PDB file of N, CA and C in Angstrom:
ATOM      1  N   UNK A   1     -21.488 -11.939  -0.862  1.00  0.00           N
ATOM      2  CA  UNK A   1     -20.484 -12.419   0.056  1.00  0.00           C
ATOM      3  C   UNK A   1     -19.850 -13.676  -0.541  1.00  0.00           C
ATOM      4  N   UNK A   2     -18.540 -13.686  -0.606  1.00  0.00           N
ATOM      5  CA  UNK A   2     -17.823 -14.793  -1.232  1.00  0.00           C
ATOM      6  C   UNK A   2     -17.851 -16.048  -0.370  1.00  0.00           C
ATOM      7  N   UNK A   3     -17.776 -15.902   0.944  1.00  0.00           N
ATOM      8  CA  UNK A   3     -17.669 -17.058   1.815  1.00  0.00           C
ATOM      9  C   UNK A   3     -18.935 -17.898   1.888  1.00  0.00           C
ATOM     10  N   UNK A   4     -20.077 -17.277   1.683  1.00  0.00           N
ATOM     11  CA  UNK A   4     -21.328 -18.018   1.814  1.00  0.00           C
ATOM     12  C   UNK A   4     -22.193 -17.792   0.573  1.00  0.00           C
ATOM     13  N   UNK A   5     -22.230 -18.765  -0.341  1.00  0.00           N
ATOM     14  CA  UNK A   5     -23.103 -18.613  -1.499  1.00  0.00           C
ATOM     15  C   UNK A   5     -24.569 -18.743  -1.091  1.00  0.00           C
ATOM     16  N   UNK A   6     -25.442 -18.208  -1.934  1.00  0.00           N
ATOM     17  CA  UNK A   6     -26.872 -18.243  -1.631  1.00  0.00           C
ATOM     18  C   UNK A   6     -27.387 -19.684  -1.532  1.00  0.00           C
ATOM     19  N   UNK A   7     -26.994 -20.519  -2.468  1.00  0.00           N
ATOM     20  CA  UNK A   7     -27.400 -21.917  -2.463  1.00  0.00           C
ATOM     21  C   UNK A   7     -26.154 -22.794  -2.485  1.00  0.00           C
ATOM     22  N   UNK A   8     -26.015 -23.656  -1.514  1.00  0.00           N
ATOM     23  CA  UNK A   8     -24.879 -24.563  -1.450  1.00  0.00           C
ATOM     24  C   UNK A   8     -25.344 -25.927  -1.937  1.00  0.00           C
ATOM     25  N   UNK A   9     -24.899 -26.297  -3.126  1.00  0.00           N
ATOM     26  CA  UNK A   9     -25.313 -27.576  -3.687  1.00  0.00           C
ATOM     27  C   UNK A   9     -24.435 -28.698  -3.136  1.00  0.00           C
ATOM     28  N   UNK A  10     -24.898 -29.924  -3.319  1.00  0.00           N
ATOM     29  CA  UNK A  10     -24.124 -31.078  -2.875  1.00  0.00           C
ATOM     30  C   UNK A  10     -22.787 -31.156  -3.604  1.00  0.00           C
ATOM     31  N   UNK A  11     -22.803 -30.865  -4.895  1.00  0.00           N
ATOM     32  CA  UNK A  11     -21.576 -30.901  -5.691  1.00  0.00           C
ATOM     33  C   UNK A  11     -20.584 -29.855  -5.208  1.00  0.00           C
ATOM     34  N   UNK A  12     -21.077 -28.682  -4.898  1.00  0.00           N
ATOM     35  CA  UNK A  12     -20.212 -27.613  -4.404  1.00  0.00           C
ATOM     36  C   UNK A  12     -19.593 -27.998  -3.058  1.00  0.00           C
ATOM     37  N   UNK A  13     -20.377 -28.590  -2.190  1.00  0.00           N
ATOM     38  CA  UNK A  13     -19.885 -29.007  -0.875  1.00  0.00           C
ATOM     39  C   UNK A  13     -18.836 -30.110  -1.011  1.00  0.00           C
ATOM     40  N   UNK A  14     -19.112 -31.112  -1.823  1.00  0.00           N
ATOM     41  CA  UNK A  14     -18.172 -32.224  -2.011  1.00  0.00           C
ATOM     42  C   UNK A  14     -16.872 -31.717  -2.636  1.00  0.00           C
ATOM     43  N   UNK A  15     -16.978 -30.813  -3.587  1.00  0.00           N
ATOM     44  CA  UNK A  15     -15.781 -30.245  -4.219  1.00  0.00           C
ATOM     45  C   UNK A  15     -14.954 -29.453  -3.209  1.00  0.00           C
ATOM     46  N   UNK A  16     -15.614 -28.673  -2.378  1.00  0.00           N
ATOM     47  CA  UNK A  16     -14.909 -27.883  -1.367  1.00  0.00           C
ATOM     48  C   UNK A  16     -14.213 -28.791  -0.350  1.00  0.00           C
ATOM     49  N   UNK A  17     -14.863 -29.845   0.067  1.00  0.00           N
ATOM     50  CA  UNK A  17     -14.253 -30.769   1.031  1.00  0.00           C
ATOM     51  C   UNK A  17     -13.079 -31.523   0.409  1.00  0.00           C
ATOM     52  N   UNK A  18     -13.196 -31.905  -0.854  1.00  0.00           N
ATOM     53  CA  UNK A  18     -12.080 -32.578  -1.540  1.00  0.00           C
ATOM     54  C   UNK A  18     -10.885 -31.638  -1.648  1.00  0.00           C
ATOM     55  N   UNK A  19     -11.141 -30.385  -1.990  1.00  0.00           N
ATOM     56  CA  UNK A  19     -10.059 -29.400  -2.082  1.00  0.00           C
ATOM     57  C   UNK A  19      -9.429 -29.160  -0.713  1.00  0.00           C
ATOM     58  N   UNK A  20     -10.235 -29.088   0.323  1.00  0.00           N
ATOM     59  CA  UNK A  20      -9.722 -28.889   1.678  1.00  0.00           C
ATOM     60  C   UNK A  20      -8.812 -30.039   2.090  1.00  0.00           C
ATOM     61  N   UNK A  21      -9.262 -31.264   1.925  1.00  0.00           N
ATOM     62  CA  UNK A  21      -8.475 -32.402   2.385  1.00  0.00           C
ATOM     63  C   UNK A  21      -7.245 -32.635   1.510  1.00  0.00           C
ATOM     64  N   UNK A  22      -7.293 -32.252   0.239  1.00  0.00           N
ATOM     65  CA  UNK A  22      -6.106 -32.346  -0.609  1.00  0.00           C
ATOM     66  C   UNK A  22      -5.080 -31.301  -0.189  1.00  0.00           C
ATOM     67  N   UNK A  23      -5.532 -30.073   0.017  1.00  0.00           N
ATOM     68  CA  UNK A  23      -4.600 -28.997   0.358  1.00  0.00           C
ATOM     69  C   UNK A  23      -4.098 -29.111   1.793  1.00  0.00           C
ATOM     70  N   UNK A  24      -4.896 -29.684   2.686  1.00  0.00           N
ATOM     71  CA  UNK A  24      -4.502 -29.794   4.084  1.00  0.00           C
ATOM     72  C   UNK A  24      -3.201 -30.574   4.233  1.00  0.00           C
ATOM     73  N   UNK A  25      -3.085 -31.711   3.587  1.00  0.00           N
ATOM     74  CA  UNK A  25      -1.874 -32.523   3.714  1.00  0.00           C
ATOM     75  C   UNK A  25      -0.666 -31.801   3.132  1.00  0.00           C
ATOM     76  N   UNK A  26      -0.862 -31.091   2.039  1.00  0.00           N
ATOM     77  CA  UNK A  26       0.251 -30.357   1.434  1.00  0.00           C
ATOM     78  C   UNK A  26       0.715 -29.223   2.335  1.00  0.00           C
ATOM     79  N   UNK A  27      -0.204 -28.482   2.914  1.00  0.00           N
ATOM     80  CA  UNK A  27       0.149 -27.351   3.766  1.00  0.00           C
ATOM     81  C   UNK A  27       0.827 -27.820   5.048  1.00  0.00           C
ATOM     82  N   UNK A  28       0.292 -28.845   5.690  1.00  0.00           N
ATOM     83  CA  UNK A  28       0.888 -29.344   6.930  1.00  0.00           C
ATOM     84  C   UNK A  28       2.281 -29.913   6.652  1.00  0.00           C
ATOM     85  N   UNK A  29       2.437 -30.632   5.561  1.00  0.00           N
ATOM     86  CA  UNK A  29       3.753 -31.170   5.210  1.00  0.00           C
ATOM     87  C   UNK A  29       4.749 -30.048   4.974  1.00  0.00           C
ATOM     88  N   UNK A  30       4.324 -29.001   4.294  1.00  0.00           N
ATOM     89  CA  UNK A  30       5.207 -27.857   4.038  1.00  0.00           C
ATOM     90  C   UNK A  30       5.593 -27.174   5.349  1.00  0.00           C
ATOM     91  N   UNK A  31       4.635 -26.939   6.220  1.00  0.00           N
ATOM     92  CA  UNK A  31       4.937 -26.258   7.481  1.00  0.00           C
ATOM     93  C   UNK A  31       5.872 -27.088   8.350  1.00  0.00           C
ATOM     94  N   UNK A  32       5.699 -28.403   8.382  1.00  0.00           N
ATOM     95  CA  UNK A  32       6.602 -29.242   9.160  1.00  0.00           C
ATOM     96  C   UNK A  32       7.997 -29.276   8.539  1.00  0.00           C
ATOM     97  N   UNK A  33       8.080 -29.223   7.214  1.00  0.00           N
ATOM     98  CA  UNK A  33       9.392 -29.160   6.554  1.00  0.00           C
ATOM     99  C   UNK A  33      10.094 -27.845   6.871  1.00  0.00           C
ATOM    100  N   UNK A  34       9.342 -26.754   6.887  1.00  0.00           N
ATOM    101  CA  UNK A  34       9.920 -25.447   7.230  1.00  0.00           C
ATOM    102  C   UNK A  34      10.427 -25.460   8.668  1.00  0.00           C
ATOM    103  N   UNK A  35       9.650 -26.003   9.584  1.00  0.00           N
ATOM    104  CA  UNK A  35      10.102 -26.042  10.976  1.00  0.00           C
ATOM    105  C   UNK A  35      11.306 -26.961  11.146  1.00  0.00           C
ATOM    106  N   UNK A  36      11.381 -28.027  10.378  1.00  0.00           N
ATOM    107  CA  UNK A  36      12.545 -28.914  10.452  1.00  0.00           C
ATOM    108  C   UNK A  36      13.802 -28.210   9.950  1.00  0.00           C
ATOM    109  N   UNK A  37      13.670 -27.348   8.942  1.00  0.00           N
ATOM    110  CA  UNK A  37      14.816 -26.591   8.442  1.00  0.00           C
ATOM    111  C   UNK A  37      15.255 -25.514   9.425  1.00  0.00           C
ATOM    112  N   UNK A  38      14.318 -24.953  10.163  1.00  0.00           N
ATOM    113  CA  UNK A  38      14.654 -23.878  11.097  1.00  0.00           C
ATOM    114  C   UNK A  38      15.389 -24.388  12.333  1.00  0.00           C
ATOM    115  N   UNK A  39      15.169 -25.629  12.707  1.00  0.00           N
ATOM    116  CA  UNK A  39      15.759 -26.171  13.929  1.00  0.00           C
ATOM    117  C   UNK A  39      16.376 -27.530  13.638  1.00  0.00           C
ATOM    118  N   UNK A  40      17.688 -27.588  13.665  1.00  0.00           N
ATOM    119  CA  UNK A  40      18.397 -28.830  13.355  1.00  0.00           C
ATOM    120  C   UNK A  40      18.196 -29.911  14.412  1.00  0.00           C
ATOM    121  N   UNK A  41      17.839 -29.538  15.637  1.00  0.00           N
ATOM    122  CA  UNK A  41      17.662 -30.530  16.703  1.00  0.00           C
ATOM    123  C   UNK A  41      16.380 -31.339  16.529  1.00  0.00           C
ATOM    124  N   UNK A  42      15.431 -30.810  15.781  1.00  0.00           N
ATOM    125  CA  UNK A  42      14.171 -31.521  15.558  1.00  0.00           C
ATOM    126  C   UNK A  42      13.109 -31.235  16.603  1.00  0.00           C
ATOM    127  N   UNK A  43      13.453 -30.469  17.625  1.00  0.00           N
ATOM    128  CA  UNK A  43      12.478 -30.179  18.683  1.00  0.00           C
ATOM    129  C   UNK A  43      11.335 -29.313  18.183  1.00  0.00           C
ATOM    130  N   UNK A  44      11.646 -28.331  17.333  1.00  0.00           N
ATOM    131  CA  UNK A  44      10.609 -27.439  16.822  1.00  0.00           C
ATOM    132  C   UNK A  44       9.601 -28.192  15.961  1.00  0.00           C
ATOM    133  N   UNK A  45      10.086 -29.118  15.134  1.00  0.00           N
ATOM    134  CA  UNK A  45       9.179 -29.906  14.300  1.00  0.00           C
ATOM    135  C   UNK A  45       8.285 -30.795  15.153  1.00  0.00           C
ATOM    136  N   UNK A  46       8.842 -31.336  16.240  1.00  0.00           N
ATOM    137  CA  UNK A  46       8.040 -32.164  17.140  1.00  0.00           C
ATOM    138  C   UNK A  46       6.966 -31.340  17.830  1.00  0.00           C
ATOM    139  N   UNK A  47       7.348 -30.173  18.309  1.00  0.00           N
ATOM    140  CA  UNK A  47       6.371 -29.290  18.965  1.00  0.00           C
ATOM    141  C   UNK A  47       5.303 -28.843  17.967  1.00  0.00           C
ATOM    142  N   UNK A  48       5.730 -28.532  16.740  1.00  0.00           N
ATOM    143  CA  UNK A  48       4.768 -28.108  15.712  1.00  0.00           C
ATOM    144  C   UNK A  48       3.775 -29.219  15.405  1.00  0.00           C
ATOM    145  N   UNK A  49       4.242 -30.441  15.384  1.00  0.00           N
ATOM    146  CA  UNK A  49       3.346 -31.572  15.137  1.00  0.00           C
ATOM    147  C   UNK A  49       2.322 -31.720  16.259  1.00  0.00           C
ATOM    148  N   UNK A  50       2.783 -31.579  17.494  1.00  0.00           N
ATOM    149  CA  UNK A  50       1.876 -31.682  18.648  1.00  0.00           C
ATOM    150  C   UNK A  50       0.855 -30.544  18.626  1.00  0.00           C
ATOM    151  N   UNK A  51       1.325 -29.322  18.342  1.00  0.00           N
ATOM    152  CA  UNK A  51       0.414 -28.175  18.289  1.00  0.00           C
ATOM    153  C   UNK A  51      -0.600 -28.348  17.157  1.00  0.00           C
ATOM    154  N   UNK A  52      -0.158 -28.901  16.027  1.00  0.00           N
ATOM    155  CA  UNK A  52      -1.069 -29.146  14.909  1.00  0.00           C
ATOM    156  C   UNK A  52      -2.165 -30.134  15.303  1.00  0.00           C
ATOM    157  N   UNK A  53      -1.776 -31.203  15.974  1.00  0.00           N
ATOM    158  CA  UNK A  53      -2.771 -32.181  16.414  1.00  0.00           C
ATOM    159  C   UNK A  53      -3.697 -31.598  17.479  1.00  0.00           C
ATOM    160  N   UNK A  54      -3.157 -30.769  18.378  1.00  0.00           N
ATOM    161  CA  UNK A  54      -4.003 -30.132  19.393  1.00  0.00           C
ATOM    162  C   UNK A  54      -5.002 -29.178  18.739  1.00  0.00           C
ATOM    163  N   UNK A  55      -4.547 -28.477  17.701  1.00  0.00           N
ATOM    164  CA  UNK A  55      -5.451 -27.595  16.968  1.00  0.00           C
ATOM    165  C   UNK A  55      -6.539 -28.360  16.243  1.00  0.00           C
ATOM    166  N   UNK A  56      -6.173 -29.504  15.683  1.00  0.00           N
ATOM    167  CA  UNK A  56      -7.172 -30.339  15.006  1.00  0.00           C
ATOM    168  C   UNK A  56      -8.217 -30.863  15.994  1.00  0.00           C
ATOM    169  N   UNK A  57      -7.771 -31.142  17.208  1.00  0.00           N
ATOM    170  CA  UNK A  57      -8.690 -31.661  18.211  1.00  0.00           C
ATOM    171  C   UNK A  57      -9.570 -30.568  18.804  1.00  0.00           C
ATOM    172  N   UNK A  58      -8.989 -29.375  19.017  1.00  0.00           N
ATOM    173  CA  UNK A  58      -9.759 -28.321  19.681  1.00  0.00           C
ATOM    174  C   UNK A  58     -10.442 -27.362  18.706  1.00  0.00           C
ATOM    175  N   UNK A  59     -10.069 -27.390  17.434  1.00  0.00           N
ATOM    176  CA  UNK A  59     -10.643 -26.482  16.441  1.00  0.00           C
ATOM    177  C   UNK A  59     -12.164 -26.545  16.329  1.00  0.00           C
ATOM    178  N   UNK A  60     -12.745 -27.740  16.225  1.00  0.00           N
ATOM    179  CA  UNK A  60     -14.209 -27.805  16.145  1.00  0.00           C
ATOM    180  C   UNK A  60     -14.908 -27.237  17.379  1.00  0.00           C
ATOM    181  N   UNK A  61     -14.299 -27.425  18.552  1.00  0.00           N
ATOM    182  CA  UNK A  61     -14.903 -26.883  19.764  1.00  0.00           C
ATOM    183  C   UNK A  61     -14.883 -25.350  19.748  1.00  0.00           C
ATOM    184  N   UNK A  62     -13.762 -24.789  19.321  1.00  0.00           N
ATOM    185  CA  UNK A  62     -13.648 -23.330  19.248  1.00  0.00           C
ATOM    186  C   UNK A  62     -14.603 -22.790  18.181  1.00  0.00           C
ATOM    187  N   UNK A  63     -14.654 -23.464  17.033  1.00  0.00           N
ATOM    188  CA  UNK A  63     -15.534 -23.014  15.946  1.00  0.00           C
ATOM    189  C   UNK A  63     -17.003 -23.047  16.368  1.00  0.00           C
ATOM    190  N   UNK A  64     -17.371 -24.025  17.176  1.00  0.00           N
ATOM    191  CA  UNK A  64     -18.759 -24.125  17.634  1.00  0.00           C
ATOM    192  C   UNK A  64     -19.173 -22.910  18.451  1.00  0.00           C
ATOM    193  N   UNK A  65     -18.227 -22.268  19.109  1.00  0.00           N
ATOM    194  CA  UNK A  65     -18.545 -21.072  19.892  1.00  0.00           C
ATOM    195  C   UNK A  65     -18.926 -19.890  19.009  1.00  0.00           C
ATOM    196  N   UNK A  66     -18.531 -19.908  17.750  1.00  0.00           N
ATOM    197  CA  UNK A  66     -18.849 -18.815  16.834  1.00  0.00           C
ATOM    198  C   UNK A  66     -20.152 -19.040  16.076  1.00  0.00           C
ATOM    199  N   UNK A  67     -20.743 -20.206  16.216  1.00  0.00           N
ATOM    200  CA  UNK A  67     -21.981 -20.500  15.496  1.00  0.00           C
ATOM    201  C   UNK A  67     -23.167 -19.818  16.157  1.00  0.00           C
ATOM    202  N   UNK A  68     -24.062 -19.336  15.308  1.00  0.00           N
ATOM    203  CA  UNK A  68     -25.340 -18.821  15.791  1.00  0.00           C
ATOM    204  C   UNK A  68     -26.437 -19.565  15.060  1.00  0.00           C
ATOM    205  N   UNK A  69     -27.643 -19.398  15.491  1.00  0.00           N
ATOM    206  CA  UNK A  69     -28.784 -20.108  14.903  1.00  0.00           C
ATOM    207  C   UNK A  69     -28.905 -19.823  13.416  1.00  0.00           C
ATOM    208  N   UNK A  70     -28.570 -20.800  12.598  1.00  0.00           N
ATOM    209  CA  UNK A  70     -28.738 -20.685  11.153  1.00  0.00           C
ATOM    210  C   UNK A  70     -27.743 -19.766  10.456  1.00  0.00           C
ATOM    211  N   UNK A  71     -26.684 -19.337  11.140  1.00  0.00           N
ATOM    212  CA  UNK A  71     -25.723 -18.417  10.529  1.00  0.00           C
ATOM    213  C   UNK A  71     -24.301 -18.898  10.798  1.00  0.00           C
ATOM    214  N   UNK A  72     -23.609 -19.267   9.729  1.00  0.00           N
ATOM    215  CA  UNK A  72     -22.234 -19.742   9.843  1.00  0.00           C
ATOM    216  C   UNK A  72     -21.216 -18.631   9.589  1.00  0.00           C
ATOM    217  N   UNK A  73     -21.681 -17.426   9.274  1.00  0.00           N
ATOM    218  CA  UNK A  73     -20.780 -16.325   8.915  1.00  0.00           C
ATOM    219  C   UNK A  73     -19.732 -16.018   9.984  1.00  0.00           C
ATOM    220  N   UNK A  74     -20.099 -15.876  11.259  1.00  0.00           N
ATOM    221  CA  UNK A  74     -19.064 -15.571  12.255  1.00  0.00           C
ATOM    222  C   UNK A  74     -17.970 -16.641  12.322  1.00  0.00           C
ATOM    223  N   UNK A  75     -18.363 -17.903  12.207  1.00  0.00           N
ATOM    224  CA  UNK A  75     -17.386 -18.990  12.238  1.00  0.00           C
ATOM    225  C   UNK A  75     -16.462 -18.920  11.024  1.00  0.00           C
ATOM    226  N   UNK A  76     -17.018 -18.652   9.857  1.00  0.00           N
ATOM    227  CA  UNK A  76     -16.209 -18.580   8.640  1.00  0.00           C
ATOM    228  C   UNK A  76     -15.265 -17.391   8.677  1.00  0.00           C
ATOM    229  N   UNK A  77     -15.737 -16.249   9.163  1.00  0.00           N
ATOM    230  CA  UNK A  77     -14.872 -15.073   9.260  1.00  0.00           C
ATOM    231  C   UNK A  77     -13.762 -15.294  10.291  1.00  0.00           C
ATOM    232  N   UNK A  78     -14.090 -15.918  11.402  1.00  0.00           N
ATOM    233  CA  UNK A  78     -13.071 -16.214  12.417  1.00  0.00           C
ATOM    234  C   UNK A  78     -12.028 -17.181  11.853  1.00  0.00           C
ATOM    235  N   UNK A  79     -12.478 -18.186  11.129  1.00  0.00           N
ATOM    236  CA  UNK A  79     -11.548 -19.141  10.509  1.00  0.00           C
ATOM    237  C   UNK A  79     -10.650 -18.452   9.498  1.00  0.00           C
ATOM    238  N   UNK A  80     -11.219 -17.563   8.699  1.00  0.00           N
ATOM    239  CA  UNK A  80     -10.424 -16.825   7.722  1.00  0.00           C
ATOM    240  C   UNK A  80      -9.408 -15.929   8.421  1.00  0.00           C
ATOM    241  N   UNK A  81      -9.810 -15.297   9.517  1.00  0.00           N
ATOM    242  CA  UNK A  81      -8.886 -14.447  10.269  1.00  0.00           C
ATOM    243  C   UNK A  81      -7.742 -15.237  10.881  1.00  0.00           C
ATOM    244  N   UNK A  82      -8.044 -16.394  11.436  1.00  0.00           N
ATOM    245  CA  UNK A  82      -7.002 -17.247  12.016  1.00  0.00           C
ATOM    246  C   UNK A  82      -6.058 -17.743  10.923  1.00  0.00           C
ATOM    247  N   UNK A  83      -6.608 -18.096   9.778  1.00  0.00           N
ATOM    248  CA  UNK A  83      -5.789 -18.548   8.653  1.00  0.00           C
ATOM    249  C   UNK A  83      -4.837 -17.445   8.194  1.00  0.00           C
ATOM    250  N   UNK A  84      -5.350 -16.235   8.036  1.00  0.00           N
ATOM    251  CA  UNK A  84      -4.499 -15.118   7.611  1.00  0.00           C
ATOM    252  C   UNK A  84      -3.440 -14.793   8.658  1.00  0.00           C
ATOM    253  N   UNK A  85      -3.799 -14.872   9.926  1.00  0.00           N
ATOM    254  CA  UNK A  85      -2.818 -14.650  10.994  1.00  0.00           C
ATOM    255  C   UNK A  85      -1.704 -15.692  10.933  1.00  0.00           C
ATOM    256  N   UNK A  86      -2.070 -16.929  10.655  1.00  0.00           N
ATOM    257  CA  UNK A  86      -1.073 -17.998  10.546  1.00  0.00           C
ATOM    258  C   UNK A  86      -0.116 -17.742   9.391  1.00  0.00           C
ATOM    259  N   UNK A  87      -0.658 -17.292   8.269  1.00  0.00           N
ATOM    260  CA  UNK A  87       0.199 -16.990   7.117  1.00  0.00           C
ATOM    261  C   UNK A  87       1.151 -15.855   7.460  1.00  0.00           C
ATOM    262  N   UNK A  88       0.637 -14.810   8.093  1.00  0.00           N
ATOM    263  CA  UNK A  88       1.487 -13.670   8.443  1.00  0.00           C
ATOM    264  C   UNK A  88       2.586 -14.065   9.434  1.00  0.00           C
ATOM    265  N   UNK A  89       2.273 -14.951  10.359  1.00  0.00           N
ATOM    266  CA  UNK A  89       3.273 -15.407  11.315  1.00  0.00           C
ATOM    267  C   UNK A  89       4.323 -16.303  10.670  1.00  0.00           C
ATOM    268  N   UNK A  90       3.988 -16.934   9.571  1.00  0.00           N
ATOM    269  CA  UNK A  90       4.916 -17.850   8.890  1.00  0.00           C
ATOM    270  C   UNK A  90       5.819 -17.142   7.889  1.00  0.00           C
ATOM    271  N   UNK A  91       5.413 -15.973   7.409  1.00  0.00           N
ATOM    272  CA  UNK A  91       6.168 -15.285   6.353  1.00  0.00           C
ATOM    273  C   UNK A  91       7.572 -14.913   6.805  1.00  0.00           C
ATOM    274  N   UNK A  92       7.721 -14.338   7.980  1.00  0.00           N
ATOM    275  CA  UNK A  92       9.040 -13.875   8.431  1.00  0.00           C
ATOM    276  C   UNK A  92      10.039 -15.021   8.588  1.00  0.00           C
ATOM    277  N   UNK A  93       9.707 -16.106   9.293  1.00  0.00           N
ATOM    278  CA  UNK A  93      10.687 -17.196   9.404  1.00  0.00           C
ATOM    279  C   UNK A  93      11.036 -17.829   8.057  1.00  0.00           C
ATOM    280  N   UNK A  94      10.057 -17.959   7.178  1.00  0.00           N
ATOM    281  CA  UNK A  94      10.332 -18.562   5.874  1.00  0.00           C
ATOM    282  C   UNK A  94      11.231 -17.660   5.042  1.00  0.00           C
ATOM    283  N   UNK A  95      10.962 -16.357   5.024  1.00  0.00           N
ATOM    284  CA  UNK A  95      11.805 -15.448   4.241  1.00  0.00           C
ATOM    285  C   UNK A  95      13.212 -15.368   4.838  1.00  0.00           C
ATOM    286  N   UNK A  96      13.324 -15.425   6.159  1.00  0.00           N
ATOM    287  CA  UNK A  96      14.646 -15.434   6.791  1.00  0.00           C
ATOM    288  C   UNK A  96      15.412 -16.698   6.405  1.00  0.00           C
ATOM    289  N   UNK A  97      14.747 -17.829   6.426  1.00  0.00           N
ATOM    290  CA  UNK A  97      15.388 -19.092   6.060  1.00  0.00           C
ATOM    291  C   UNK A  97      15.829 -19.070   4.601  1.00  0.00           C
ATOM    292  N   UNK A  98      15.028 -18.498   3.727  1.00  0.00           N
ATOM    293  CA  UNK A  98      15.400 -18.388   2.311  1.00  0.00           C
ATOM    294  C   UNK A  98      16.625 -17.500   2.150  1.00  0.00           C
ATOM    295  N   UNK A  99      16.685 -16.407   2.908  1.00  0.00           N
ATOM    296  CA  UNK A  99      17.832 -15.506   2.832  1.00  0.00           C
ATOM    297  C   UNK A  99      19.102 -16.213   3.310  1.00  0.00           C
ATOM    298  N   UNK A 100      19.003 -16.962   4.409  1.00  0.00           N
ATOM    299  CA  UNK A 100      20.159 -17.709   4.922  1.00  0.00           C
ATOM    300  C   UNK A 100      20.606 -18.757   3.916  1.00  0.00           C
ATOM    301  N   UNK A 101      19.652 -19.423   3.292  1.00  0.00           N
ATOM    302  CA  UNK A 101      19.981 -20.455   2.296  1.00  0.00           C
ATOM    303  C   UNK A 101      20.688 -19.837   1.099  1.00  0.00           C
ATOM    304  N   UNK A 102      20.208 -18.699   0.639  1.00  0.00           N
ATOM    305  CA  UNK A 102      20.839 -18.020  -0.506  1.00  0.00           C
ATOM    306  C   UNK A 102      22.242 -17.548  -0.154  1.00  0.00           C
ATOM    307  N   UNK A 103      22.418 -17.018   1.062  1.00  0.00           N
ATOM    308  CA  UNK A 103      23.737 -16.576   1.477  1.00  0.00           C
ATOM    309  C   UNK A 103      24.713 -17.750   1.583  1.00  0.00           C
ATOM    310  N   UNK A 104      24.230 -18.885   2.027  1.00  0.00           N
ATOM    311  CA  UNK A 104      25.121 -20.051   2.130  1.00  0.00           C
ATOM    312  C   UNK A 104      25.496 -20.578   0.747  1.00  0.00           C
ATOM    313  N   UNK A 105      24.615 -20.431  -0.233  1.00  0.00           N
ATOM    314  CA  UNK A 105      24.943 -20.835  -1.604  1.00  0.00           C
ATOM    315  C   UNK A 105      25.965 -19.897  -2.221  1.00  0.00           C
ATOM    316  N   UNK A 106      25.854 -18.599  -1.919  1.00  0.00           N
ATOM    317  CA  UNK A 106      26.786 -17.606  -2.458  1.00  0.00           C
ATOM    318  C   UNK A 106      28.179 -17.809  -1.829  1.00  0.00           C
ATOM    319  N   UNK A 107      28.217 -18.189  -0.551  1.00  0.00           N
ATOM    320  CA  UNK A 107      29.493 -18.354   0.156  1.00  0.00           C
ATOM    321  C   UNK A 107      30.275 -19.569  -0.328  1.00  0.00           C
ATOM    322  N   UNK A 108      29.635 -20.487  -0.999  1.00  0.00           N
ATOM    323  CA  UNK A 108      30.324 -21.696  -1.481  1.00  0.00           C
ATOM    324  C   UNK A 108      31.187 -21.374  -2.610  1.00  0.00           C
TER     325      UNK A 108
END
């Protein structure tokens, strides 16, 4: 199983956390930039920021519901599923925005 190695060393854990916190800021910044491009009024970016903070606050509580005694697998699979769902929900608006941007460049 890729998500859970047999032995999790301290170095492996520290490396994973460093990668998570490095990528987290990049991903959130990108998503807020995409929402700002989709809505010129800025309301969507504001709502996205609030939803992001609400998710950060409630995420650990939701994840705790998936924990079982000594087994983190359900929590990791649920997190992976939510992550993939988020990517799938983001693909259509981003590709639409790219198409609109390309069409506006061609029209110039």
